[in-house]
Amino acid sequence: MNRFLLRTFLRYLVALPVLGFLVIFLLYPIYAVVAGGADITMIGEVFKSSLYREGLVNALLIALGTTLISFIISLPLALLYNRFEFPGKEVCNLLIMAPMILPPFVGALGFQQLLGYYGVFNAALTGLGFERINFLAGEGRFWAVCAIEALHLYPVLYLNLVTSLANVDPALHEAARNLGAGWFTRLRRITLPLIRPGIFAGGSIILIWSFTELGTPLMFGFTNVTPVQVFFGITELERNAMPLALTVVMLAGSSLLYIVGRLLLGRPGAASAVKGTLGASAERLAGGCRFLPLLLFGLVTFAAVLPHISLILLAFSGDWYNTVLPSSYTFLNFENALSDSLVIPSIINSLQYSFTAMLLAVLLGVLISVIVVRWKLRGGWILDALSMLPLAVPGIVMAFGFLVLSYRNPVLNTLFDVENNPLLLLAVAYAVRRLPYVVRSVSSGLEQTPEELELAARNLGAGSFTVLKRITLPLILANVIVGGLFAFSFSMLEVSDSLILAQKSEFYPITKAIYDLSQINGSGTFIACAFGVWSMLFLGSTIALAGAVLGRKIGAIFRL
């Protein structure tokens, strides 16, 4: 009995510092934003100003448009994947992940080349004898932002839909078919109600992400949207509380969107506890039809990676103006990128920030997963819920919270030193933002690993930490590696924290350097694209490796 109490005491002794870290570096930044911006007068000014009201409306419309486009893309693909067996099915999930190898704000460079007034599509139109269309003017710019974000984010919804569809009992569809229900009736009355949790899990991430996305509207010059207004207000932070008030309104808006989505879609269907078997329900297509699903997956993936292809061509182009393809090709852009004063330091900075963030996220993620899944401590669900909070809280809110703390808290100001050495500040910010991926990856491994070996070791006298070191961690090493890879690679391409927290050029990470380079007239865009190609290859190899290790279970990483 004493040994049991001692073991429990030691476990709580481990859990308390983890809880303390999350309180200080997750809840406290959110509190700092709310406390600093929750001035009723200032919030009232936000809603009185037609400029800020329009920014909020635009942000909401972008979120709704992006989520709707993502759903229109994801649902048919998920239904095809769930219902049919076809050649190449095993590679479809990797194809789906392809758009995520580049942040949408970097992909915007390629998108602008495709849809610009003298870009690819207009060159093709004039070649066919049609008039040019200004795709990126007026409402076209709005839909361009929605499209590029949806083409980046739809895999998150797709992976959740595939997982939810696999849990629907095929007998329900068979019974409805025998009663004369057509496919649309079955979709509306059976499938969609039963996969509501999956729609909510993926859709809520996309909704909140796109509502608070900073980089993409910024790159398209769509400045009348709340995240960009907040970004431009950073320079006035010390003398003007309006940016903080805007951030509080964004946080409240994100919370409201989450709650509404939860009420509409988060409730499980009446039969959602019934598990189905994918293999048993999948139909094998015959003849030439068996290639149609793979063709559709390929076409959607091609459309999604067109900005990436355009970015690569821009990186290698010597001149690309009013033509479908570049007029000439060169390696000079890569040479200029390497010789630019921003590029090499930003790569080194990002490696330092991201590696430190990965170590921190892996340490915290493993501890939280073990506490919740293996040790099952009372109250452990609090740690699990807190670790998922960064998925629901806008990145720009977290970044602003860290910025406020670094300026206004004397202890954290000394610790973080945003002016002279933001290494720790950015590493902690990155780690907190990517912690959910590590926790979900490691928890998934623990849930799939039998406890018998651990129990046997404990019965032979091994302590909890010996069991963790010698048995548990080796068994879930692949999941730990995948979580660490995601934390590292996505930190390398983090946008909100990088744009807001990196104040001086010598401390710029990769994404801030790409943004600054893209603003230079002339060769700046080409150099930024060359830099973006390296980032795309890096993140692409990471996602491919993670997909190979986790397979279809990779969707569990992108869930609230």
Protein backbone atom coordinates (compact mmCIF):
# COMPACT_ATOMS: atom_id res chain seq x y z
CA MET A 1 0.00 0.00 0.00
CA ASN A 2 2.83 2.38 0.90
CA ARG A 3 4.56 1.54 -2.36
CA PHE A 4 1.38 2.32 -4.30
CA LEU A 5 0.99 5.68 -2.51
CA LEU A 6 4.64 6.51 -3.16
CA ARG A 7 4.28 5.67 -6.86
CA THR A 8 1.14 7.79 -7.13
CA PHE A 9 2.84 10.67 -5.30
CA LEU A 10 5.84 10.56 -7.67
CA ARG A 11 3.55 10.52 -10.69
CA TYR A 12 1.71 13.59 -9.48
CA LEU A 13 5.12 15.15 -8.83
CA VAL A 14 5.82 14.70 -12.55
CA ALA A 15 2.39 15.96 -13.62
CA LEU A 16 2.54 19.21 -11.63
CA PRO A 17 5.50 20.81 -13.52
CA VAL A 18 3.84 19.87 -16.82
CA LEU A 19 0.63 21.55 -15.66
CA GLY A 20 2.64 24.55 -14.47
CA PHE A 21 4.30 24.90 -17.88
CA LEU A 22 0.94 24.85 -19.67
CA VAL A 23 -0.51 27.38 -17.26
CA ILE A 24 2.42 29.79 -17.68
CA PHE A 25 3.07 29.41 -21.40
CA LEU A 26 -0.41 28.57 -22.70
CA LEU A 27 -3.08 29.99 -20.42
CA TYR A 28 -1.09 33.00 -19.24
CA PRO A 29 -0.48 34.42 -22.77
CA ILE A 30 -4.19 34.05 -23.51
CA TYR A 31 -5.01 35.77 -20.24
CA ALA A 32 -2.52 38.56 -21.04
CA VAL A 33 -4.30 39.24 -24.33
CA VAL A 34 -7.73 39.21 -22.69
CA ALA A 35 -6.65 41.33 -19.72
CA GLY A 36 -4.88 43.83 -21.94
CA GLY A 37 -7.62 44.12 -24.54
CA ALA A 38 -10.81 43.49 -22.59
CA ASP A 39 -11.52 47.18 -22.24
CA ILE A 40 -15.22 47.65 -22.92
CA THR A 41 -14.59 51.09 -24.40
CA MET A 42 -11.92 49.83 -26.81
CA ILE A 43 -13.98 46.78 -27.79
CA GLY A 44 -16.89 49.12 -28.40
CA GLU A 45 -14.63 51.18 -30.69
CA VAL A 46 -13.89 48.03 -32.70
CA PHE A 47 -17.59 47.58 -33.47
CA LYS A 48 -18.20 51.31 -34.00
CA SER A 49 -15.48 51.58 -36.64
CA SER A 50 -16.68 50.64 -40.12
CA LEU A 51 -13.08 49.66 -41.01
CA TYR A 52 -12.77 47.15 -38.18
CA ARG A 53 -16.32 45.84 -38.67
CA GLU A 54 -15.56 45.20 -42.31
CA GLY A 55 -12.33 43.45 -41.30
CA LEU A 56 -14.25 41.11 -38.98
CA VAL A 57 -16.88 40.40 -41.62
CA ASN A 58 -14.18 39.65 -44.19
CA ALA A 59 -12.39 37.32 -41.77
CA LEU A 60 -15.65 35.46 -41.08
CA LEU A 61 -16.49 35.21 -44.78
CA ILE A 62 -13.00 33.89 -45.55
CA ALA A 63 -13.42 31.26 -42.81
CA LEU A 64 -16.85 30.18 -44.09
CA GLY A 65 -15.74 30.19 -47.73
CA THR A 66 -12.58 28.21 -47.01
CA THR A 67 -14.46 25.63 -44.93
CA LEU A 68 -17.18 25.24 -47.57
CA ILE A 69 -14.66 24.73 -50.39
CA SER A 70 -12.71 22.25 -48.23
CA PHE A 71 -15.91 20.29 -47.56
CA ILE A 72 -16.88 20.24 -51.26
CA ILE A 73 -13.44 18.84 -52.10
CA SER A 74 -13.09 16.41 -49.19
CA LEU A 75 -16.48 14.69 -48.96
CA PRO A 76 -16.57 13.10 -52.45
CA LEU A 77 -12.97 11.90 -52.09
CA ALA A 78 -13.63 10.41 -48.66
CA LEU A 79 -16.79 8.66 -49.88
CA LEU A 80 -14.92 7.16 -52.86
CA TYR A 81 -12.06 6.02 -50.65
CA ASN A 82 -14.42 4.41 -48.16
CA ARG A 83 -16.78 2.70 -50.62
CA PHE A 84 -14.54 1.34 -53.40
CA GLU A 85 -11.45 -0.75 -53.91
CA PHE A 86 -9.37 0.54 -56.81
CA PRO A 87 -5.78 0.43 -58.11
CA GLY A 88 -3.46 2.85 -56.31
CA LYS A 89 -5.74 3.24 -53.29
CA GLU A 90 -2.84 2.78 -50.90
CA VAL A 91 -1.10 5.93 -52.21
CA CYS A 92 -4.18 8.17 -52.11
CA ASN A 93 -3.65 9.34 -48.54
CA LEU A 94 -0.11 10.40 -49.40
CA LEU A 95 -1.41 12.24 -52.47
CA ILE A 96 -3.93 14.00 -50.26
CA MET A 97 -1.17 15.22 -47.93
CA ALA A 98 0.80 16.81 -50.80
CA PRO A 99 -0.79 20.31 -50.50
CA MET A 100 0.36 20.56 -46.87
CA ILE A 101 4.05 20.66 -47.82
CA LEU A 102 3.93 24.44 -48.19
CA PRO A 103 2.29 27.11 -46.01
CA PRO A 104 -0.52 28.84 -47.95
CA PHE A 105 1.15 32.23 -47.58
CA VAL A 106 4.19 30.92 -49.51
CA GLY A 107 1.94 29.14 -52.01
CA ALA A 108 0.30 32.53 -52.59
CA LEU A 109 3.40 33.53 -54.56
CA GLY A 110 2.75 30.71 -57.02
CA PHE A 111 -0.99 31.39 -57.03
CA GLN A 112 -0.41 35.02 -57.99
CA GLN A 113 1.71 33.89 -60.94
CA LEU A 114 -1.13 31.62 -62.07
CA LEU A 115 -3.98 34.14 -61.72
CA GLY A 116 -2.23 37.50 -62.06
CA TYR A 117 -3.25 39.93 -64.81
CA TYR A 118 -0.17 38.92 -66.81
CA GLY A 119 -0.03 35.40 -65.37
CA VAL A 120 -0.48 31.90 -66.76
CA PHE A 121 -4.27 31.76 -67.14
CA ASN A 122 -4.52 35.20 -68.71
CA ALA A 123 -1.69 34.35 -71.10
CA ALA A 124 -3.64 31.24 -72.12
CA LEU A 125 -6.87 33.26 -72.51
CA THR A 126 -5.27 35.88 -74.75
CA GLY A 127 -3.60 33.12 -76.75
CA LEU A 128 -7.06 31.70 -77.45
CA GLY A 129 -8.42 35.11 -78.45
CA PHE A 130 -10.26 36.00 -75.22
CA GLU A 131 -10.02 39.13 -73.08
CA ARG A 132 -7.93 39.19 -69.91
CA ILE A 133 -9.71 38.71 -66.59
CA ASN A 134 -8.45 40.43 -63.46
CA PHE A 135 -8.86 37.42 -61.17
CA LEU A 136 -7.16 39.08 -58.19
CA ALA A 137 -9.11 42.36 -58.16
CA GLY A 138 -12.19 43.08 -56.03
CA GLU A 139 -14.05 39.93 -55.02
CA GLY A 140 -11.55 37.88 -56.98
CA ARG A 141 -8.91 38.58 -54.35
CA PHE A 142 -11.28 37.35 -51.63
CA TRP A 143 -11.95 34.08 -53.47
CA ALA A 144 -8.25 33.68 -54.20
CA VAL A 145 -7.54 33.79 -50.46
CA CYS A 146 -10.31 31.24 -49.80
CA ALA A 147 -9.11 28.96 -52.59
CA ILE A 148 -5.43 28.89 -51.61
CA GLU A 149 -6.32 28.26 -47.94
CA ALA A 150 -8.84 25.52 -48.83
CA LEU A 151 -6.37 23.80 -51.16
CA HIS A 152 -3.90 23.74 -48.28
CA LEU A 153 -6.30 22.69 -45.51
CA TYR A 154 -8.75 20.24 -47.10
CA PRO A 155 -6.55 17.21 -46.18
CA VAL A 156 -7.32 17.90 -42.50
CA LEU A 157 -11.05 17.46 -43.13
CA TYR A 158 -10.57 14.56 -45.55
CA LEU A 159 -8.54 12.50 -43.06
CA ASN A 160 -11.17 12.99 -40.36
CA LEU A 161 -13.99 12.07 -42.76
CA VAL A 162 -12.23 8.86 -43.85
CA THR A 163 -11.79 7.83 -40.22
CA SER A 164 -15.45 8.58 -39.42
CA LEU A 165 -16.75 6.74 -42.50
CA ALA A 166 -14.78 3.65 -41.52
CA ASN A 167 -16.79 3.56 -38.28
CA VAL A 168 -20.21 3.54 -40.00
CA ASP A 169 -21.82 0.09 -40.06
CA PRO A 170 -22.36 -0.91 -43.74
CA ALA A 171 -25.44 -2.91 -42.64
CA LEU A 172 -27.28 0.38 -42.12
CA HIS A 173 -26.76 1.34 -45.77
CA GLU A 174 -27.71 -2.14 -46.92
CA ALA A 175 -30.95 -2.04 -44.93
CA ALA A 176 -31.81 1.40 -46.35
CA ARG A 177 -31.06 0.21 -49.89
CA ASN A 178 -33.35 -2.80 -49.40
CA LEU A 179 -36.10 -0.40 -48.34
CA GLY A 180 -35.73 1.53 -51.60
CA ALA A 181 -33.62 4.49 -50.46
CA GLY A 182 -31.44 5.99 -53.20
CA TRP A 183 -27.79 6.96 -52.74
CA PHE A 184 -28.57 10.62 -52.05
CA THR A 185 -31.20 9.73 -49.47
CA ARG A 186 -28.75 7.36 -47.78
CA LEU A 187 -26.08 10.06 -47.83
CA ARG A 188 -28.44 12.66 -46.32
CA ARG A 189 -30.27 10.47 -43.80
CA ILE A 190 -27.55 8.01 -42.73
CA THR A 191 -24.01 8.92 -43.72
CA LEU A 192 -23.89 12.64 -42.93
CA PRO A 193 -25.63 12.38 -39.52
CA LEU A 194 -23.28 9.55 -38.48
CA ILE A 195 -20.09 11.34 -39.51
CA ARG A 196 -20.97 14.65 -37.85
CA PRO A 197 -18.16 14.27 -35.28
CA GLY A 198 -15.64 13.84 -38.11
CA ILE A 199 -17.04 16.86 -39.95
CA PHE A 200 -16.75 18.87 -36.74
CA ALA A 201 -13.25 17.60 -35.90
CA GLY A 202 -11.78 18.60 -39.24
CA GLY A 203 -14.11 21.48 -40.09
CA SER A 204 -13.60 23.30 -36.80
CA ILE A 205 -9.81 23.33 -37.29
CA ILE A 206 -10.21 24.72 -40.81
CA LEU A 207 -12.82 27.27 -39.70
CA ILE A 208 -10.73 28.67 -36.86
CA TRP A 209 -7.45 28.44 -38.79
CA SER A 210 -8.81 30.36 -41.77
CA PHE A 211 -10.65 32.90 -39.58
CA THR A 212 -7.35 33.89 -37.98
CA GLU A 213 -4.94 33.22 -40.87
CA LEU A 214 -2.49 36.09 -41.23
CA GLY A 215 -0.01 35.13 -43.95
CA THR A 216 -2.27 34.45 -46.94
CA PRO A 217 -4.31 37.71 -46.90
CA LEU A 218 -1.07 39.57 -46.22
CA MET A 219 0.63 38.10 -49.28
CA PHE A 220 -2.38 38.83 -51.50
CA GLY A 221 -2.56 42.43 -50.27
CA PHE A 222 -6.01 41.80 -48.80
CA THR A 223 -5.37 44.11 -45.86
CA ASN A 224 -8.95 44.85 -44.80
CA VAL A 225 -9.20 41.72 -42.68
CA THR A 226 -8.78 41.54 -38.90
CA PRO A 227 -5.57 39.42 -38.64
CA VAL A 228 -3.73 41.79 -40.99
CA GLN A 229 -5.08 44.82 -39.11
CA VAL A 230 -3.73 43.30 -35.90
CA PHE A 231 -0.36 42.66 -37.55
CA PHE A 232 -0.05 46.25 -38.77
CA GLY A 233 -0.96 47.47 -35.28
CA ILE A 234 2.03 45.82 -33.58
CA THR A 235 4.15 48.95 -33.93
CA GLU A 236 1.55 50.88 -31.90
CA LEU A 237 1.17 48.26 -29.18
CA GLU A 238 2.84 50.27 -26.41
CA ARG A 239 0.71 53.42 -26.96
CA ASN A 240 -2.46 52.04 -28.52
CA ALA A 241 -4.58 49.21 -27.08
CA MET A 242 -6.63 48.78 -30.26
CA PRO A 243 -4.56 45.82 -31.57
CA LEU A 244 -5.17 44.04 -28.25
CA ALA A 245 -8.90 44.79 -28.41
CA LEU A 246 -8.99 43.38 -31.96
CA THR A 247 -7.17 40.26 -30.76
CA VAL A 248 -9.70 39.77 -27.94
CA VAL A 249 -12.55 40.11 -30.42
CA MET A 250 -10.86 37.51 -32.65
CA LEU A 251 -10.48 35.14 -29.70
CA ALA A 252 -14.14 35.60 -28.80
CA GLY A 253 -15.12 35.07 -32.43
CA SER A 254 -13.07 31.87 -32.67
CA SER A 255 -14.64 30.56 -29.48
CA LEU A 256 -18.11 31.39 -30.76
CA LEU A 257 -17.43 29.63 -34.08
CA TYR A 258 -16.19 26.56 -32.18
CA ILE A 259 -19.26 26.50 -29.91
CA VAL A 260 -21.69 26.91 -32.81
CA GLY A 261 -19.93 24.14 -34.72
CA ARG A 262 -20.02 21.95 -31.64
CA LEU A 263 -23.76 22.47 -31.22
CA LEU A 264 -24.50 21.82 -34.89
CA LEU A 265 -22.07 19.00 -35.66
CA GLY A 266 -20.29 17.86 -32.51
CA ARG A 267 -23.08 15.69 -31.15
CA PRO A 268 -22.66 12.02 -32.03
CA GLY A 269 -25.28 10.40 -34.24
CA ALA A 270 -27.71 7.88 -32.82
CA ALA A 271 -25.74 4.94 -34.13
CA SER A 272 -22.25 6.34 -34.16
CA ALA A 273 -21.12 3.81 -31.60
CA VAL A 274 -21.66 1.06 -34.14
CA LYS A 275 -18.34 0.23 -35.75
CA GLY A 276 -18.06 -0.77 -39.36
CA THR A 277 -15.38 -2.62 -41.25
CA LEU A 278 -13.95 -0.82 -44.23
CA GLY A 279 -12.70 -3.93 -45.97
CA ALA A 280 -16.05 -5.65 -45.68
CA SER A 281 -18.02 -2.80 -47.23
CA ALA A 282 -15.67 -1.71 -50.03
CA GLU A 283 -16.80 -2.61 -53.54
CA ARG A 284 -14.31 -3.68 -56.18
CA LEU A 285 -14.77 -1.75 -59.42
CA ALA A 286 -14.43 -3.54 -62.73
CA GLY A 287 -13.20 -2.55 -66.18
CA GLY A 288 -12.03 0.98 -66.91
CA CYS A 289 -14.19 2.34 -64.07
CA ARG A 290 -11.74 0.99 -61.54
CA PHE A 291 -9.29 3.77 -62.46
CA LEU A 292 -11.81 6.62 -62.10
CA PRO A 293 -11.38 7.15 -58.32
CA LEU A 294 -7.60 7.30 -58.67
CA LEU A 295 -8.03 9.74 -61.58
CA LEU A 296 -10.22 12.00 -59.43
CA PHE A 297 -7.70 11.89 -56.57
CA GLY A 298 -4.97 12.74 -59.06
CA LEU A 299 -6.90 15.66 -60.57
CA VAL A 300 -7.71 17.17 -57.18
CA THR A 301 -4.12 16.75 -56.03
CA PHE A 302 -2.86 18.32 -59.26
CA ALA A 303 -5.17 21.33 -58.77
CA ALA A 304 -4.02 21.62 -55.15
CA VAL A 305 -0.32 21.53 -56.02
CA LEU A 306 -0.54 23.91 -58.99
CA PRO A 307 0.66 26.78 -56.75
CA HIS A 308 3.59 24.57 -55.70
CA ILE A 309 4.43 23.79 -59.33
CA SER A 310 4.19 27.48 -60.17
CA LEU A 311 6.47 28.29 -57.23
CA ILE A 312 9.08 25.80 -58.46
CA LEU A 313 8.95 27.21 -62.00
CA LEU A 314 9.27 30.74 -60.61
CA ALA A 315 12.31 29.66 -58.62
CA PHE A 316 14.00 28.36 -61.80
CA SER A 317 12.76 31.07 -64.19
CA GLY A 318 14.84 33.87 -65.59
CA ASP A 319 11.79 35.64 -66.99
CA TRP A 320 8.10 34.75 -66.71
CA TYR A 321 5.80 37.51 -67.88
CA ASN A 322 2.60 37.12 -69.93
CA THR A 323 3.49 33.55 -70.96
CA VAL A 324 2.12 30.14 -70.02
CA LEU A 325 5.61 28.86 -69.17
CA PRO A 326 8.78 30.76 -68.24
CA SER A 327 10.61 32.29 -71.18
CA SER A 328 13.98 31.22 -69.77
CA TYR A 329 15.38 29.12 -66.95
CA THR A 330 18.29 29.74 -64.60
CA PHE A 331 19.86 28.67 -61.30
CA LEU A 332 20.71 32.29 -60.54
CA ASN A 333 17.75 32.69 -58.17
CA PHE A 334 19.13 29.94 -55.92
CA GLU A 335 22.58 31.54 -56.04
CA ASN A 336 21.08 34.93 -55.16
CA ALA A 337 19.08 33.32 -52.35
CA LEU A 338 22.22 31.81 -50.83
CA SER A 339 24.10 35.10 -51.12
CA ASP A 340 21.29 37.23 -49.66
CA SER A 341 22.05 38.47 -46.16
CA LEU A 342 18.68 37.25 -44.87
CA VAL A 343 18.70 33.66 -46.14
CA ILE A 344 21.54 31.76 -44.47
CA PRO A 345 21.02 33.41 -41.04
CA SER A 346 17.28 32.71 -41.23
CA ILE A 347 17.92 29.02 -41.97
CA ILE A 348 20.28 28.79 -38.99
CA ASN A 349 17.80 30.66 -36.80
CA SER A 350 14.91 28.40 -37.82
CA LEU A 351 16.98 25.29 -37.17
CA GLN A 352 17.80 26.53 -33.68
CA TYR A 353 14.24 27.61 -32.87
CA SER A 354 12.65 24.47 -34.32
CA PHE A 355 15.09 21.95 -32.85
CA THR A 356 14.68 23.47 -29.37
CA ALA A 357 10.90 23.52 -29.85
CA MET A 358 10.91 19.87 -30.98
CA LEU A 359 12.83 18.73 -27.89
CA LEU A 360 10.46 20.63 -25.63
CA ALA A 361 7.31 19.45 -27.43
CA VAL A 362 8.46 15.81 -27.43
CA LEU A 363 9.31 15.90 -23.72
CA LEU A 364 5.97 17.46 -22.81
CA GLY A 365 4.00 15.34 -25.30
CA VAL A 366 5.41 12.03 -24.06
CA LEU A 367 4.82 12.96 -20.42
CA ILE A 368 1.23 14.11 -21.04
CA SER A 369 0.42 10.99 -23.09
CA VAL A 370 1.87 8.64 -20.46
CA ILE A 371 0.07 10.47 -17.64
CA VAL A 372 -3.27 10.33 -19.45
CA VAL A 373 -3.15 6.97 -21.26
CA ARG A 374 -0.92 4.80 -19.05
CA TRP A 375 -0.88 6.24 -15.56
CA LYS A 376 -4.53 7.33 -15.76
CA LEU A 377 -4.08 9.88 -13.00
CA ARG A 378 -7.23 11.45 -11.64
CA GLY A 379 -7.58 14.83 -13.31
CA GLY A 380 -5.24 13.80 -16.13
CA TRP A 381 -7.92 14.82 -18.64
CA ILE A 382 -7.09 18.43 -17.75
CA LEU A 383 -3.59 18.00 -19.21
CA ASP A 384 -5.03 16.34 -22.32
CA ALA A 385 -7.56 19.14 -22.82
CA LEU A 386 -4.94 21.85 -22.31
CA SER A 387 -2.57 20.18 -24.76
CA MET A 388 -5.29 20.32 -27.44
CA LEU A 389 -6.13 23.97 -26.73
CA PRO A 390 -3.58 25.40 -29.24
CA LEU A 391 -5.66 23.82 -32.05
CA ALA A 392 -8.68 25.85 -30.98
CA VAL A 393 -6.91 29.10 -30.06
CA PRO A 394 -5.85 31.24 -33.02
CA GLY A 395 -2.12 31.32 -33.66
CA ILE A 396 -2.16 35.10 -33.90
CA VAL A 397 -3.73 35.28 -30.41
CA MET A 398 -0.98 33.07 -28.95
CA ALA A 399 1.73 35.08 -30.73
CA PHE A 400 0.28 38.36 -29.49
CA GLY A 401 0.03 36.92 -25.97
CA PHE A 402 3.72 36.02 -25.95
CA LEU A 403 4.58 39.46 -27.31
CA VAL A 404 2.56 41.19 -24.57
CA LEU A 405 4.19 39.02 -21.89
CA SER A 406 7.68 39.66 -23.19
CA TYR A 407 7.10 43.43 -23.01
CA ARG A 408 5.05 43.77 -19.84
CA ASN A 409 6.23 41.02 -17.48
CA PRO A 410 9.68 41.89 -16.04
CA VAL A 411 10.64 38.26 -15.32
CA LEU A 412 9.54 36.94 -18.71
CA ASN A 413 11.03 40.01 -20.39
CA THR A 414 14.43 39.05 -19.00
CA LEU A 415 13.91 35.36 -19.79
CA PHE A 416 12.67 35.85 -23.36
CA ASP A 417 14.52 39.06 -24.37
CA VAL A 418 12.56 39.56 -27.59
CA GLU A 419 14.78 42.47 -28.61
CA ASN A 420 18.22 40.86 -28.39
CA ASN A 421 17.79 37.07 -28.35
CA PRO A 422 14.31 35.65 -29.04
CA LEU A 423 15.53 32.02 -29.24
CA LEU A 424 13.72 30.88 -26.10
CA LEU A 425 10.62 32.97 -26.87
CA LEU A 426 10.16 31.51 -30.36
CA ALA A 427 11.11 27.98 -29.27
CA VAL A 428 8.49 27.98 -26.50
CA ALA A 429 5.89 29.55 -28.81
CA TYR A 430 6.57 26.95 -31.52
CA ALA A 431 6.52 24.09 -28.98
CA VAL A 432 3.17 25.13 -27.52
CA ARG A 433 1.63 25.51 -31.01
CA ARG A 434 2.82 22.04 -32.13
CA LEU A 435 2.27 20.17 -28.87
CA PRO A 436 -1.12 18.72 -30.00
CA TYR A 437 0.55 16.81 -32.87
CA VAL A 438 3.03 15.16 -30.51
CA VAL A 439 0.39 14.29 -27.90
CA ARG A 440 -1.97 12.77 -30.46
CA SER A 441 0.80 10.79 -32.15
CA VAL A 442 2.23 9.39 -28.90
CA SER A 443 -1.21 8.75 -27.37
CA SER A 444 -2.18 6.82 -30.50
CA GLY A 445 0.89 4.63 -30.09
CA LEU A 446 0.18 3.98 -26.42
CA GLU A 447 -3.45 3.08 -27.09
CA GLN A 448 -2.38 0.52 -29.71
CA THR A 449 0.39 -1.01 -27.57
CA PRO A 450 -0.68 -3.76 -25.13
CA GLU A 451 0.22 -3.17 -21.49
CA GLU A 452 1.17 -6.79 -20.73
CA LEU A 453 4.94 -6.28 -21.02
CA GLU A 454 4.79 -3.18 -18.82
CA LEU A 455 2.67 -4.98 -16.22
CA ALA A 456 5.05 -7.94 -16.27
CA ALA A 457 8.05 -5.69 -15.70
CA ARG A 458 6.25 -3.92 -12.86
CA ASN A 459 5.41 -7.28 -11.25
CA LEU A 460 9.12 -8.14 -11.37
CA GLY A 461 9.90 -5.03 -9.34
CA ALA A 462 10.71 -2.44 -12.00
CA GLY A 463 9.74 1.10 -11.11
CA SER A 464 7.52 3.34 -13.23
CA PHE A 465 10.41 5.25 -14.78
CA THR A 466 12.39 2.07 -15.50
CA VAL A 467 9.33 0.64 -17.27
CA LEU A 468 8.91 3.87 -19.20
CA LYS A 469 12.56 3.96 -20.28
CA ARG A 470 13.16 0.26 -21.00
CA ILE A 471 9.79 -0.89 -22.37
CA THR A 472 7.20 1.81 -23.12
CA LEU A 473 9.36 4.27 -25.04
CA PRO A 474 11.02 1.61 -27.26
CA LEU A 475 7.56 0.23 -28.16
CA ILE A 476 6.20 3.64 -29.21
CA LEU A 477 9.43 5.03 -30.63
CA ALA A 478 7.97 5.32 -34.16
CA ASN A 479 5.09 7.46 -32.87
CA VAL A 480 7.47 9.64 -30.87
CA ILE A 481 9.63 10.15 -33.96
CA VAL A 482 6.60 11.04 -36.11
CA GLY A 483 5.33 13.53 -33.52
CA GLY A 484 8.80 15.04 -33.25
CA LEU A 485 9.10 15.29 -37.03
CA PHE A 486 5.79 17.12 -37.26
CA ALA A 487 6.76 19.47 -34.42
CA PHE A 488 10.12 20.23 -36.06
CA SER A 489 8.99 20.62 -39.66
CA PHE A 490 5.85 22.66 -38.97
CA SER A 491 7.86 24.87 -36.60
CA MET A 492 10.30 25.52 -39.45
CA LEU A 493 7.40 26.94 -41.46
CA GLU A 494 5.36 28.55 -38.67
CA VAL A 495 3.82 31.83 -39.86
CA SER A 496 1.97 33.79 -37.12
CA ASP A 497 4.62 33.44 -34.39
CA SER A 498 7.43 34.14 -36.86
CA LEU A 499 5.90 37.26 -38.39
CA ILE A 500 4.92 38.76 -35.05
CA LEU A 501 7.67 37.71 -32.62
CA ALA A 502 10.79 38.10 -34.78
CA GLN A 503 11.47 41.83 -34.53
CA LYS A 504 15.01 42.24 -35.90
CA SER A 505 16.33 40.93 -39.22
CA GLU A 506 19.27 39.08 -37.62
CA PHE A 507 16.75 36.92 -35.72
CA TYR A 508 14.34 36.29 -38.62
CA PRO A 509 13.23 32.66 -39.14
CA ILE A 510 12.60 31.29 -42.62
CA THR A 511 9.00 32.43 -43.03
CA LYS A 512 9.73 36.03 -41.97
CA ALA A 513 12.68 36.09 -44.39
CA ILE A 514 10.48 34.79 -47.24
CA TYR A 515 7.90 37.49 -46.51
CA ASP A 516 10.53 40.25 -46.49
CA LEU A 517 12.13 38.97 -49.69
CA SER A 518 8.76 38.81 -51.46
CA GLN A 519 8.24 42.52 -50.80
CA ILE A 520 11.38 43.51 -52.74
CA ASN A 521 10.61 44.78 -56.21
CA GLY A 522 12.21 42.99 -59.12
CA SER A 523 14.07 39.84 -58.16
CA GLY A 524 12.65 39.57 -54.63
CA THR A 525 9.77 37.27 -55.62
CA PHE A 526 12.10 34.92 -57.52
CA ILE A 527 14.52 34.69 -54.58
CA ALA A 528 11.63 34.12 -52.15
CA CYS A 529 10.35 31.30 -54.38
CA ALA A 530 13.79 29.69 -54.53
CA PHE A 531 13.85 29.82 -50.75
CA GLY A 532 10.31 28.40 -50.63
CA VAL A 533 11.31 25.40 -52.77
CA TRP A 534 13.82 24.32 -50.14
CA SER A 535 11.13 24.63 -47.45
CA MET A 536 8.67 22.65 -49.57
CA LEU A 537 11.11 19.78 -50.10
CA PHE A 538 11.91 19.68 -46.41
CA LEU A 539 8.31 19.53 -45.20
CA GLY A 540 7.29 17.18 -48.02
CA SER A 541 9.86 14.58 -47.01
CA THR A 542 8.71 14.87 -43.40
CA ILE A 543 5.04 14.28 -44.23
CA ALA A 544 5.91 11.38 -46.57
CA LEU A 545 7.93 9.72 -43.81
CA ALA A 546 5.16 10.30 -41.25
CA GLY A 547 2.56 8.91 -43.66
CA ALA A 548 4.67 5.81 -44.28
CA VAL A 549 4.99 5.18 -40.55
CA LEU A 550 1.41 5.96 -39.45
CA GLY A 551 -0.56 5.12 -42.61
CA ARG A 552 -4.25 5.99 -42.29
CA LYS A 553 -3.79 6.75 -38.59
CA ILE A 554 -2.05 9.99 -39.56
CA GLY A 555 -5.49 11.65 -39.52
CA ALA A 556 -5.59 11.35 -35.72
CA ILE A 557 -2.88 14.03 -35.49
CA PHE A 558 -5.23 16.65 -36.99
CA ARG A 559 -8.06 16.38 -34.48
CA LEU A 560 -9.35 18.54 -31.69
